[in-house]
Amino acid sequence: MSQKEEYKIDYNSPNIPASVKELKPTIYKEGINWCVSSDEDIAGGILGYGVTPEQAMQDFDANYAKIKENSV
């Protein structure tokens, strides 16, 4: 099994989406893309993908907002 390249997040950065600060997901490289996952079991978590960690966090934030909106 290959090791995943993880991205360390500075949670104090003003550019970090609130959902990432709240849920503290794992960010790791998957092939040529970055993945943000709220749960080790991908099937049960919120995901975001992007070419950069920042894009992946924005995608994660958008997906989190959709889930939150649908649960109201």
C-alpha atoms as a PDB file:
ATOM      1  CA  MET A   1       0.000   0.000   0.000  1.00  0.00           C
ATOM      2  CA  SER A   2       1.401   3.399  -0.950  1.00  0.00           C
ATOM      3  CA  GLN A   3       1.552   6.258   1.502  1.00  0.00           C
ATOM      4  CA  LYS A   4      -0.638   9.268   0.822  1.00  0.00           C
ATOM      5  CA  GLU A   5       0.983  12.678   0.568  1.00  0.00           C
ATOM      6  CA  GLU A   6      -0.915  14.732   3.146  1.00  0.00           C
ATOM      7  CA  TYR A   7      -1.311  18.504   3.217  1.00  0.00           C
ATOM      8  CA  LYS A   8      -0.886  20.318   6.516  1.00  0.00           C
ATOM      9  CA  ILE A   9      -3.517  22.989   7.083  1.00  0.00           C
ATOM     10  CA  ASP A  10      -2.963  26.267   8.891  1.00  0.00           C
ATOM     11  CA  TYR A  11      -6.387  26.581  10.513  1.00  0.00           C
ATOM     12  CA  ASN A  12      -5.594  30.188  11.466  1.00  0.00           C
ATOM     13  CA  SER A  13      -5.337  31.237   7.819  1.00  0.00           C
ATOM     14  CA  PRO A  14      -8.171  33.554   6.775  1.00  0.00           C
ATOM     15  CA  ASN A  15      -8.344  31.740   3.404  1.00  0.00           C
ATOM     16  CA  ILE A  16      -9.448  28.430   4.919  1.00  0.00           C
ATOM     17  CA  PRO A  17     -13.201  27.786   4.465  1.00  0.00           C
ATOM     18  CA  ALA A  18     -15.234  27.639   7.675  1.00  0.00           C
ATOM     19  CA  SER A  19     -16.308  24.048   6.947  1.00  0.00           C
ATOM     20  CA  VAL A  20     -12.659  22.954   6.808  1.00  0.00           C
ATOM     21  CA  LYS A  21     -11.937  24.727  10.098  1.00  0.00           C
ATOM     22  CA  GLU A  22     -15.002  23.130  11.695  1.00  0.00           C
ATOM     23  CA  LEU A  23     -14.663  19.542  10.440  1.00  0.00           C
ATOM     24  CA  LYS A  24     -10.849  19.357  10.184  1.00  0.00           C
ATOM     25  CA  PRO A  25     -10.854  16.949   7.224  1.00  0.00           C
ATOM     26  CA  THR A  26      -7.874  15.067   5.851  1.00  0.00           C
ATOM     27  CA  ILE A  27      -6.290  16.566   2.736  1.00  0.00           C
ATOM     28  CA  TYR A  28      -4.153  14.293   0.611  1.00  0.00           C
ATOM     29  CA  LYS A  29      -2.853  13.832  -2.917  1.00  0.00           C
ATOM     30  CA  GLU A  30      -4.726  11.247  -4.978  1.00  0.00           C
ATOM     31  CA  GLY A  31      -3.087  10.813  -8.379  1.00  0.00           C
ATOM     32  CA  ILE A  32      -2.747  14.280  -9.894  1.00  0.00           C
ATOM     33  CA  ASN A  33      -5.550  15.761  -7.768  1.00  0.00           C
ATOM     34  CA  TRP A  34      -5.948  16.674  -4.128  1.00  0.00           C
ATOM     35  CA  CYS A  35      -8.767  15.173  -2.079  1.00  0.00           C
ATOM     36  CA  VAL A  36     -10.383  16.617   1.038  1.00  0.00           C
ATOM     37  CA  SER A  37     -12.242  13.975   3.042  1.00  0.00           C
ATOM     38  CA  SER A  38     -14.201  14.425   6.248  1.00  0.00           C
ATOM     39  CA  ASP A  39     -14.053  10.704   6.994  1.00  0.00           C
ATOM     40  CA  GLU A  40     -11.588   7.875   6.403  1.00  0.00           C
ATOM     41  CA  ASP A  41     -14.509   5.915   4.999  1.00  0.00           C
ATOM     42  CA  ILE A  42     -14.987   7.922   1.801  1.00  0.00           C
ATOM     43  CA  ALA A  43     -18.468   6.477   1.245  1.00  0.00           C
ATOM     44  CA  GLY A  44     -19.695   8.063   4.496  1.00  0.00           C
ATOM     45  CA  GLY A  45     -18.022  11.439   4.322  1.00  0.00           C
ATOM     46  CA  ILE A  46     -17.993  14.769   2.564  1.00  0.00           C
ATOM     47  CA  LEU A  47     -15.468  15.043  -0.265  1.00  0.00           C
ATOM     48  CA  GLY A  48     -13.826  17.757  -2.304  1.00  0.00           C
ATOM     49  CA  TYR A  49     -11.412  17.480  -5.219  1.00  0.00           C
ATOM     50  CA  GLY A  50      -9.125  19.927  -6.984  1.00  0.00           C
ATOM     51  CA  VAL A  51      -5.831  20.365  -8.780  1.00  0.00           C
ATOM     52  CA  THR A  52      -4.539  22.285  -5.758  1.00  0.00           C
ATOM     53  CA  PRO A  53      -5.276  21.843  -2.038  1.00  0.00           C
ATOM     54  CA  GLU A  54      -7.018  25.216  -2.077  1.00  0.00           C
ATOM     55  CA  GLN A  55      -9.340  24.193  -4.940  1.00  0.00           C
ATOM     56  CA  ALA A  56     -10.101  20.923  -3.175  1.00  0.00           C
ATOM     57  CA  MET A  57     -10.995  22.816   0.023  1.00  0.00           C
ATOM     58  CA  GLN A  58     -13.336  25.119  -1.939  1.00  0.00           C
ATOM     59  CA  ASP A  59     -15.004  22.082  -3.538  1.00  0.00           C
ATOM     60  CA  PHE A  60     -15.332  20.459  -0.094  1.00  0.00           C
ATOM     61  CA  ASP A  61     -16.903  23.660   1.252  1.00  0.00           C
ATOM     62  CA  ALA A  62     -19.413  23.784  -1.620  1.00  0.00           C
ATOM     63  CA  ASN A  63     -20.350  20.130  -1.089  1.00  0.00           C
ATOM     64  CA  TYR A  64     -20.719  20.714   2.662  1.00  0.00           C
ATOM     65  CA  ALA A  65     -23.043  23.663   1.974  1.00  0.00           C
ATOM     66  CA  LYS A  66     -25.211  21.509  -0.342  1.00  0.00           C
ATOM     67  CA  ILE A  67     -25.534  18.805   2.305  1.00  0.00           C
ATOM     68  CA  LYS A  68     -26.363  21.344   4.996  1.00  0.00           C
ATOM     69  CA  GLU A  69     -28.939  23.009   2.743  1.00  0.00           C
ATOM     70  CA  ASN A  70     -30.630  19.690   1.960  1.00  0.00           C
ATOM     71  CA  SER A  71     -30.834  18.715   5.621  1.00  0.00           C
ATOM     72  CA  VAL A  72     -32.907  21.750   6.626  1.00  0.00           C
END
